[in-house]
PDB file of N, CA and C in Angstrom:
ATOM      1  N   MET A   1     -12.918 -14.169  14.850  1.00  0.00           N
ATOM      2  CA  MET A   1     -12.045 -13.899  13.732  1.00  0.00           C
ATOM      3  C   MET A   1     -12.874 -13.494  12.532  1.00  0.00           C
ATOM      4  N   GLY A   2     -12.403 -12.469  11.779  1.00  0.00           N
ATOM      5  CA  GLY A   2     -13.147 -11.953  10.643  1.00  0.00           C
ATOM      6  C   GLY A   2     -13.007 -12.812   9.408  1.00  0.00           C
ATOM      7  N   LYS A   3     -13.757 -12.444   8.401  1.00  0.00           N
ATOM      8  CA  LYS A   3     -13.720 -13.155   7.125  1.00  0.00           C
ATOM      9  C   LYS A   3     -12.356 -12.971   6.462  1.00  0.00           C
ATOM     10  N   SER A   4     -11.923 -13.966   5.758  1.00  0.00           N
ATOM     11  CA  SER A   4     -10.645 -13.934   5.056  1.00  0.00           C
ATOM     12  C   SER A   4     -10.619 -12.803   4.030  1.00  0.00           C
ATOM     13  N   LYS A   5      -9.477 -12.139   3.913  1.00  0.00           N
ATOM     14  CA  LYS A   5      -9.286 -11.077   2.944  1.00  0.00           C
ATOM     15  C   LYS A   5      -8.367 -11.517   1.802  1.00  0.00           C
ATOM     16  N   LEU A   6      -8.073 -12.811   1.757  1.00  0.00           N
ATOM     17  CA  LEU A   6      -7.235 -13.345   0.692  1.00  0.00           C
ATOM     18  C   LEU A   6      -7.953 -13.236  -0.651  1.00  0.00           C
ATOM     19  N   ILE A   7      -7.184 -13.076  -1.714  1.00  0.00           N
ATOM     20  CA  ILE A   7      -7.746 -12.955  -3.050  1.00  0.00           C
ATOM     21  C   ILE A   7      -8.646 -14.147  -3.379  1.00  0.00           C
ATOM     22  N   LYS A   8      -8.199 -15.344  -3.027  1.00  0.00           N
ATOM     23  CA  LYS A   8      -8.968 -16.548  -3.364  1.00  0.00           C
ATOM     24  C   LYS A   8     -10.324 -16.602  -2.656  1.00  0.00           C
ATOM     25  N   ASP A   9     -10.484 -15.823  -1.575  1.00  0.00           N
ATOM     26  CA  ASP A   9     -11.719 -15.849  -0.795  1.00  0.00           C
ATOM     27  C   ASP A   9     -12.598 -14.622  -1.003  1.00  0.00           C
ATOM     28  N   THR A  10     -12.216 -13.730  -1.937  1.00  0.00           N
ATOM     29  CA  THR A  10     -12.961 -12.480  -2.129  1.00  0.00           C
ATOM     30  C   THR A  10     -13.213 -12.214  -3.607  1.00  0.00           C
ATOM     31  N   THR A  11     -14.238 -11.423  -3.853  1.00  0.00           N
ATOM     32  CA  THR A  11     -14.496 -10.940  -5.208  1.00  0.00           C
ATOM     33  C   THR A  11     -13.829  -9.582  -5.363  1.00  0.00           C
ATOM     34  N   ARG A  12     -13.733  -9.088  -6.572  1.00  0.00           N
ATOM     35  CA  ARG A  12     -13.142  -7.775  -6.828  1.00  0.00           C
ATOM     36  C   ARG A  12     -13.915  -6.696  -6.054  1.00  0.00           C
ATOM     37  N   GLU A  13     -15.231  -6.775  -6.065  1.00  0.00           N
ATOM     38  CA  GLU A  13     -16.058  -5.796  -5.358  1.00  0.00           C
ATOM     39  C   GLU A  13     -15.778  -5.826  -3.851  1.00  0.00           C
ATOM     40  N   GLU A  14     -15.606  -7.021  -3.306  1.00  0.00           N
ATOM     41  CA  GLU A  14     -15.280  -7.134  -1.878  1.00  0.00           C
ATOM     42  C   GLU A  14     -13.911  -6.526  -1.580  1.00  0.00           C
ATOM     43  N   ARG A  15     -12.946  -6.736  -2.489  1.00  0.00           N
ATOM     44  CA  ARG A  15     -11.609  -6.173  -2.282  1.00  0.00           C
ATOM     45  C   ARG A  15     -11.644  -4.648  -2.330  1.00  0.00           C
ATOM     46  N   ILE A  16     -12.463  -4.081  -3.209  1.00  0.00           N
ATOM     47  CA  ILE A  16     -12.622  -2.623  -3.245  1.00  0.00           C
ATOM     48  C   ILE A  16     -13.173  -2.136  -1.911  1.00  0.00           C
ATOM     49  N   ARG A  17     -14.188  -2.820  -1.388  1.00  0.00           N
ATOM     50  CA  ARG A  17     -14.768  -2.424  -0.089  1.00  0.00           C
ATOM     51  C   ARG A  17     -13.758  -2.580   1.036  1.00  0.00           C
ATOM     52  N   ILE A  18     -12.959  -3.633   0.990  1.00  0.00           N
ATOM     53  CA  ILE A  18     -11.939  -3.855   2.022  1.00  0.00           C
ATOM     54  C   ILE A  18     -10.947  -2.697   2.030  1.00  0.00           C
ATOM     55  N   VAL A  19     -10.460  -2.309   0.851  1.00  0.00           N
ATOM     56  CA  VAL A  19      -9.482  -1.222   0.757  1.00  0.00           C
ATOM     57  C   VAL A  19     -10.097   0.100   1.189  1.00  0.00           C
ATOM     58  N   THR A  20     -11.257   0.442   0.641  1.00  0.00           N
ATOM     59  CA  THR A  20     -11.866   1.734   0.968  1.00  0.00           C
ATOM     60  C   THR A  20     -12.277   1.805   2.431  1.00  0.00           C
ATOM     61  N   SER A  21     -12.798   0.713   2.958  1.00  0.00           N
ATOM     62  CA  SER A  21     -13.194   0.687   4.365  1.00  0.00           C
ATOM     63  C   SER A  21     -11.973   0.781   5.276  1.00  0.00           C
ATOM     64  N   GLY A  22     -10.921   0.068   4.946  1.00  0.00           N
ATOM     65  CA  GLY A  22      -9.702   0.080   5.750  1.00  0.00           C
ATOM     66  C   GLY A  22      -9.022   1.431   5.764  1.00  0.00           C
ATOM     67  N   LEU A  23      -9.228   2.207   4.723  1.00  0.00           N
ATOM     68  CA  LEU A  23      -8.622   3.528   4.646  1.00  0.00           C
ATOM     69  C   LEU A  23      -9.605   4.625   5.048  1.00  0.00           C
ATOM     70  N   SER A  24     -10.723   4.218   5.637  1.00  0.00           N
ATOM     71  CA  SER A  24     -11.750   5.129   6.165  1.00  0.00           C
ATOM     72  C   SER A  24     -12.377   6.020   5.109  1.00  0.00           C
ATOM     73  N   TRP A  25     -12.537   5.486   3.910  1.00  0.00           N
ATOM     74  CA  TRP A  25     -13.239   6.222   2.865  1.00  0.00           C
ATOM     75  C   TRP A  25     -14.671   5.755   2.745  1.00  0.00           C
ATOM     76  N   GLY A  26     -15.141   5.020   3.715  1.00  0.00           N
ATOM     77  CA  GLY A  26     -16.500   4.511   3.689  1.00  0.00           C
ATOM     78  C   GLY A  26     -16.538   3.095   3.167  1.00  0.00           C
ATOM     79  N   ASP A  27     -17.664   2.439   3.380  1.00  0.00           N
ATOM     80  CA  ASP A  27     -17.763   1.047   2.946  1.00  0.00           C
ATOM     81  C   ASP A  27     -18.760   0.860   1.818  1.00  0.00           C
ATOM     82  N   ASP A  28     -19.266   1.955   1.249  1.00  0.00           N
ATOM     83  CA  ASP A  28     -20.233   1.832   0.164  1.00  0.00           C
ATOM     84  C   ASP A  28     -19.688   2.347  -1.158  1.00  0.00           C
ATOM     85  N   CYS A  29     -18.382   2.421  -1.286  1.00  0.00           N
ATOM     86  CA  CYS A  29     -17.759   2.928  -2.512  1.00  0.00           C
ATOM     87  C   CYS A  29     -17.916   1.899  -3.621  1.00  0.00           C
ATOM     88  N   ASP A  30     -18.352   2.354  -4.793  1.00  0.00           N
ATOM     89  CA  ASP A  30     -18.539   1.446  -5.919  1.00  0.00           C
ATOM     90  C   ASP A  30     -17.335   1.364  -6.838  1.00  0.00           C
ATOM     91  N   SER A  31     -16.378   2.289  -6.681  1.00  0.00           N
ATOM     92  CA  SER A  31     -15.196   2.239  -7.543  1.00  0.00           C
ATOM     93  C   SER A  31     -14.015   2.852  -6.816  1.00  0.00           C
ATOM     94  N   VAL A  32     -12.839   2.615  -7.346  1.00  0.00           N
ATOM     95  CA  VAL A  32     -11.630   3.167  -6.744  1.00  0.00           C
ATOM     96  C   VAL A  32     -11.288   4.523  -7.333  1.00  0.00           C
ATOM     97  N   SER A  33     -12.130   5.062  -8.210  1.00  0.00           N
ATOM     98  CA  SER A  33     -11.822   6.325  -8.865  1.00  0.00           C
ATOM     99  C   SER A  33     -11.788   7.486  -7.885  1.00  0.00           C
ATOM    100  N   GLY A  34     -12.414   7.362  -6.724  1.00  0.00           N
ATOM    101  CA  GLY A  34     -12.409   8.435  -5.740  1.00  0.00           C
ATOM    102  C   GLY A  34     -11.162   8.475  -4.880  1.00  0.00           C
ATOM    103  N   MET A  35     -10.284   7.499  -5.029  1.00  0.00           N
ATOM    104  CA  MET A  35      -9.077   7.461  -4.214  1.00  0.00           C
ATOM    105  C   MET A  35      -8.088   8.504  -4.715  1.00  0.00           C
ATOM    106  N   SER A  36      -7.252   8.988  -3.794  1.00  0.00           N
ATOM    107  CA  SER A  36      -6.279  10.008  -4.167  1.00  0.00           C
ATOM    108  C   SER A  36      -4.948   9.725  -3.514  1.00  0.00           C
ATOM    109  N   ASN A  37      -3.972  10.576  -3.792  1.00  0.00           N
ATOM    110  CA  ASN A  37      -2.637  10.494  -3.196  1.00  0.00           C
ATOM    111  C   ASN A  37      -1.905   9.204  -3.519  1.00  0.00           C
ATOM    112  N   GLY A  38      -2.197   8.587  -4.645  1.00  0.00           N
ATOM    113  CA  GLY A  38      -1.471   7.397  -5.047  1.00  0.00           C
ATOM    114  C   GLY A  38      -1.864   6.132  -4.319  1.00  0.00           C
ATOM    115  N   VAL A  39      -2.852   6.209  -3.451  1.00  0.00           N
ATOM    116  CA  VAL A  39      -3.260   5.017  -2.709  1.00  0.00           C
ATOM    117  C   VAL A  39      -3.882   4.005  -3.649  1.00  0.00           C
ATOM    118  N   ASP A  40      -4.604   4.469  -4.657  1.00  0.00           N
ATOM    119  CA  ASP A  40      -5.197   3.530  -5.604  1.00  0.00           C
ATOM    120  C   ASP A  40      -4.107   2.737  -6.310  1.00  0.00           C
ATOM    121  N   ALA A  41      -3.000   3.377  -6.642  1.00  0.00           N
ATOM    122  CA  ALA A  41      -1.897   2.665  -7.289  1.00  0.00           C
ATOM    123  C   ALA A  41      -1.290   1.637  -6.347  1.00  0.00           C
ATOM    124  N   MET A  42      -1.213   1.970  -5.070  1.00  0.00           N
ATOM    125  CA  MET A  42      -0.621   1.057  -4.092  1.00  0.00           C
ATOM    126  C   MET A  42      -1.463  -0.207  -3.927  1.00  0.00           C
ATOM    127  N   TYR A  43      -2.774  -0.056  -3.893  1.00  0.00           N
ATOM    128  CA  TYR A  43      -3.665  -1.188  -3.642  1.00  0.00           C
ATOM    129  C   TYR A  43      -4.300  -1.771  -4.900  1.00  0.00           C
ATOM    130  N   GLN A  44      -4.046  -1.188  -6.069  1.00  0.00           N
ATOM    131  CA  GLN A  44      -4.643  -1.686  -7.303  1.00  0.00           C
ATOM    132  C   GLN A  44      -4.287  -3.143  -7.592  1.00  0.00           C
ATOM    133  N   PRO A  45      -3.032  -3.586  -7.355  1.00  0.00           N
ATOM    134  CA  PRO A  45      -2.730  -5.014  -7.593  1.00  0.00           C
ATOM    135  C   PRO A  45      -3.584  -5.953  -6.733  1.00  0.00           C
ATOM    136  N   TYR A  46      -3.909  -5.548  -5.505  1.00  0.00           N
ATOM    137  CA  TYR A  46      -4.783  -6.365  -4.649  1.00  0.00           C
ATOM    138  C   TYR A  46      -6.195  -6.366  -5.209  1.00  0.00           C
ATOM    139  N   ILE A  47      -6.697  -5.196  -5.553  1.00  0.00           N
ATOM    140  CA  ILE A  47      -8.052  -5.088  -6.095  1.00  0.00           C
ATOM    141  C   ILE A  47      -8.180  -5.917  -7.363  1.00  0.00           C
ATOM    142  N   ASP A  48      -7.140  -5.902  -8.198  1.00  0.00           N
ATOM    143  CA  ASP A  48      -7.158  -6.660  -9.454  1.00  0.00           C
ATOM    144  C   ASP A  48      -6.864  -8.145  -9.268  1.00  0.00           C
ATOM    145  N   GLY A  49      -6.551  -8.571  -8.037  1.00  0.00           N
ATOM    146  CA  GLY A  49      -6.295  -9.980  -7.767  1.00  0.00           C
ATOM    147  C   GLY A  49      -4.909 -10.438  -8.138  1.00  0.00           C
ATOM    148  N   GLU A  50      -3.965  -9.508  -8.237  1.00  0.00           N
ATOM    149  CA  GLU A  50      -2.597  -9.839  -8.644  1.00  0.00           C
ATOM    150  C   GLU A  50      -1.630  -9.972  -7.470  1.00  0.00           C
ATOM    151  N   MET A  51      -1.937  -9.352  -6.343  1.00  0.00           N
ATOM    152  CA  MET A  51      -1.029  -9.333  -5.196  1.00  0.00           C
ATOM    153  C   MET A  51      -1.872  -9.283  -3.920  1.00  0.00           C
ATOM    154  N   GLU A  52      -1.494 -10.055  -2.917  1.00  0.00           N
ATOM    155  CA  GLU A  52      -2.242 -10.064  -1.661  1.00  0.00           C
ATOM    156  C   GLU A  52      -2.118  -8.717  -0.949  1.00  0.00           C
ATOM    157  N   LEU A  53      -3.081  -8.404  -0.130  1.00  0.00           N
ATOM    158  CA  LEU A  53      -3.124  -7.151   0.608  1.00  0.00           C
ATOM    159  C   LEU A  53      -1.865  -6.945   1.457  1.00  0.00           C
ATOM    160  N   ALA A  54      -1.423  -7.992   2.136  1.00  0.00           N
ATOM    161  CA  ALA A  54      -0.216  -7.894   2.969  1.00  0.00           C
ATOM    162  C   ALA A  54       0.998  -7.534   2.124  1.00  0.00           C
ATOM    163  N   GLU A  55       1.074  -8.073   0.907  1.00  0.00           N
ATOM    164  CA  GLU A  55       2.198  -7.761   0.022  1.00  0.00           C
ATOM    165  C   GLU A  55       2.166  -6.297  -0.401  1.00  0.00           C
ATOM    166  N   CYS A  56       0.981  -5.777  -0.683  1.00  0.00           N
ATOM    167  CA  CYS A  56       0.842  -4.353  -1.036  1.00  0.00           C
ATOM    168  C   CYS A  56       1.282  -3.480   0.130  1.00  0.00           C
ATOM    169  N   ASN A  57       0.865  -3.860   1.333  1.00  0.00           N
ATOM    170  CA  ASN A  57       1.240  -3.083   2.519  1.00  0.00           C
ATOM    171  C   ASN A  57       2.745  -3.121   2.746  1.00  0.00           C
ATOM    172  N   MET A  58       3.362  -4.272   2.572  1.00  0.00           N
ATOM    173  CA  MET A  58       4.812  -4.373   2.764  1.00  0.00           C
ATOM    174  C   MET A  58       5.550  -3.557   1.711  1.00  0.00           C
ATOM    175  N   ARG A  59       5.083  -3.598   0.492  1.00  0.00           N
ATOM    176  CA  ARG A  59       5.710  -2.838  -0.589  1.00  0.00           C
ATOM    177  C   ARG A  59       5.600  -1.342  -0.310  1.00  0.00           C
ATOM    178  N   GLY A  60       4.454  -0.905   0.171  1.00  0.00           N
ATOM    179  CA  GLY A  60       4.269   0.513   0.484  1.00  0.00           C
ATOM    180  C   GLY A  60       5.066   0.950   1.689  1.00  0.00           C
ATOM    181  N   ALA A  61       5.202   0.082   2.680  1.00  0.00           N
ATOM    182  CA  ALA A  61       5.937   0.420   3.896  1.00  0.00           C
ATOM    183  C   ALA A  61       7.435   0.468   3.658  1.00  0.00           C
ATOM    184  N   SER A  62       7.917  -0.189   2.621  1.00  0.00           N
ATOM    185  CA  SER A  62       9.353  -0.225   2.386  1.00  0.00           C
ATOM    186  C   SER A  62       9.848   0.984   1.606  1.00  0.00           C
ATOM    187  N   THR A  63       8.936   1.858   1.182  1.00  0.00           N
ATOM    188  CA  THR A  63       9.324   3.054   0.441  1.00  0.00           C
ATOM    189  C   THR A  63       9.940   4.066   1.389  1.00  0.00           C
ATOM    190  N   THR A  64      11.106   4.577   1.028  1.00  0.00           N
ATOM    191  CA  THR A  64      11.794   5.579   1.834  1.00  0.00           C
ATOM    192  C   THR A  64      11.986   6.828   0.995  1.00  0.00           C
ATOM    193  N   TYR A  65      11.696   7.969   1.589  1.00  0.00           N
ATOM    194  CA  TYR A  65      11.843   9.227   0.890  1.00  0.00           C
ATOM    195  C   TYR A  65      12.979  10.029   1.505  1.00  0.00           C
ATOM    196  N   VAL A  66      13.863  10.547   0.662  1.00  0.00           N
ATOM    197  CA  VAL A  66      14.969  11.377   1.109  1.00  0.00           C
ATOM    198  C   VAL A  66      14.941  12.639   0.264  1.00  0.00           C
ATOM    199  N   LYS A  67      14.847  13.801   0.913  1.00  0.00           N
ATOM    200  CA  LYS A  67      14.791  15.064   0.185  1.00  0.00           C
ATOM    201  C   LYS A  67      16.159  15.447  -0.359  1.00  0.00           C
ATOM    202  N   SER A  68      17.180  15.289   0.437  1.00  0.00           N
ATOM    203  CA  SER A  68      18.534  15.628   0.009  1.00  0.00           C
ATOM    204  C   SER A  68      19.515  14.866   0.886  1.00  0.00           C
ATOM    205  N   ASP A  69      20.807  14.994   0.570  1.00  0.00           N
ATOM    206  CA  ASP A  69      21.816  14.304   1.365  1.00  0.00           C
ATOM    207  C   ASP A  69      21.782  14.733   2.824  1.00  0.00           C
ATOM    208  N   ARG A  70      21.365  15.958   3.083  1.00  0.00           N
ATOM    209  CA  ARG A  70      21.292  16.432   4.473  1.00  0.00           C
ATOM    210  C   ARG A  70      20.252  15.665   5.273  1.00  0.00           C
ATOM    211  N   ASP A  71      19.267  15.076   4.605  1.00  0.00           N
ATOM    212  CA  ASP A  71      18.219  14.313   5.288  1.00  0.00           C
ATOM    213  C   ASP A  71      18.631  12.875   5.583  1.00  0.00           C
ATOM    214  N   ARG A  72      19.720  12.452   5.003  1.00  0.00           N
ATOM    215  CA  ARG A  72      20.192  11.079   5.241  1.00  0.00           C
ATOM    216  C   ARG A  72      20.817  10.988   6.628  1.00  0.00           C
ATOM    217  N   PRO A  73      20.624   9.862   7.305  1.00  0.00           N
ATOM    218  CA  PRO A  73      21.264   9.709   8.619  1.00  0.00           C
ATOM    219  C   PRO A  73      22.772   9.669   8.470  1.00  0.00           C
ATOM    220  N   SER A  74      23.461  10.234   9.440  1.00  0.00           N
ATOM    221  CA  SER A  74      24.927  10.248   9.423  1.00  0.00           C
ATOM    222  C   SER A  74      25.444   8.857   9.742  1.00  0.00           C
ATOM    223  N   THR A  75      26.374   8.390   8.928  1.00  0.00           N
ATOM    224  CA  THR A  75      26.939   7.057   9.152  1.00  0.00           C
ATOM    225  C   THR A  75      28.394   7.149   9.591  1.00  0.00           C
ATOM    226  N   GLY A  76      28.858   8.359   9.897  1.00  0.00           N
ATOM    227  CA  GLY A  76      30.245   8.503  10.313  1.00  0.00           C
ATOM    228  C   GLY A  76      31.156   8.570   9.106  1.00  0.00           C
ATOM    229  N   SER A  77      32.403   8.278   9.307  1.00  0.00           N
ATOM    230  CA  SER A  77      33.365   8.375   8.199  1.00  0.00           C
ATOM    231  C   SER A  77      33.249   7.177   7.288  1.00  0.00           C
ATOM    232  N   CYS A  78      33.574   7.400   6.052  1.00  0.00           N
ATOM    233  CA  CYS A  78      33.496   6.346   5.048  1.00  0.00           C
ATOM    234  C   CYS A  78      34.685   5.399   5.216  1.00  0.00           C
ATOM    235  N   VAL A  79      34.410   4.127   5.228  1.00  0.00           N
ATOM    236  CA  VAL A  79      35.478   3.145   5.396  1.00  0.00           C
ATOM    237  C   VAL A  79      36.363   3.038   4.175  1.00  0.00           C
ATOM    238  N   MET A  80      35.888   3.495   3.050  1.00  0.00           N
ATOM    239  CA  MET A  80      36.644   3.374   1.819  1.00  0.00           C
ATOM    240  C   MET A  80      37.548   4.592   1.597  1.00  0.00           C
ATOM    241  N   GLY A  81      37.545   5.540   2.526  1.00  0.00           N
ATOM    242  CA  GLY A  81      38.400   6.689   2.428  1.00  0.00           C
ATOM    243  C   GLY A  81      37.936   7.722   1.418  1.00  0.00           C
ATOM    244  N   MET A  82      36.686   7.689   1.050  1.00  0.00           N
ATOM    245  CA  MET A  82      36.168   8.654   0.086  1.00  0.00           C
ATOM    246  C   MET A  82      35.606   9.853   0.782  1.00  0.00           C
TER     247      MET A  82
END
């Protein structure tokens, strides 16, 4: 079993390495400034010690994107008659 990744068991520098290594950006990154595509925003609360890594992942996984009503799954007729 690997070392704990909980905030209480890691330093900020270790959390940066955990995030960058887990996202395959290398394990020698000294800052999160090289991150792109909003990933730094997603994991910044973990890096700052405000939210556990699992919570960041759950928050990111729960995001749903819909381009338009045509992209929404069909639910059949509306029960409210609208």
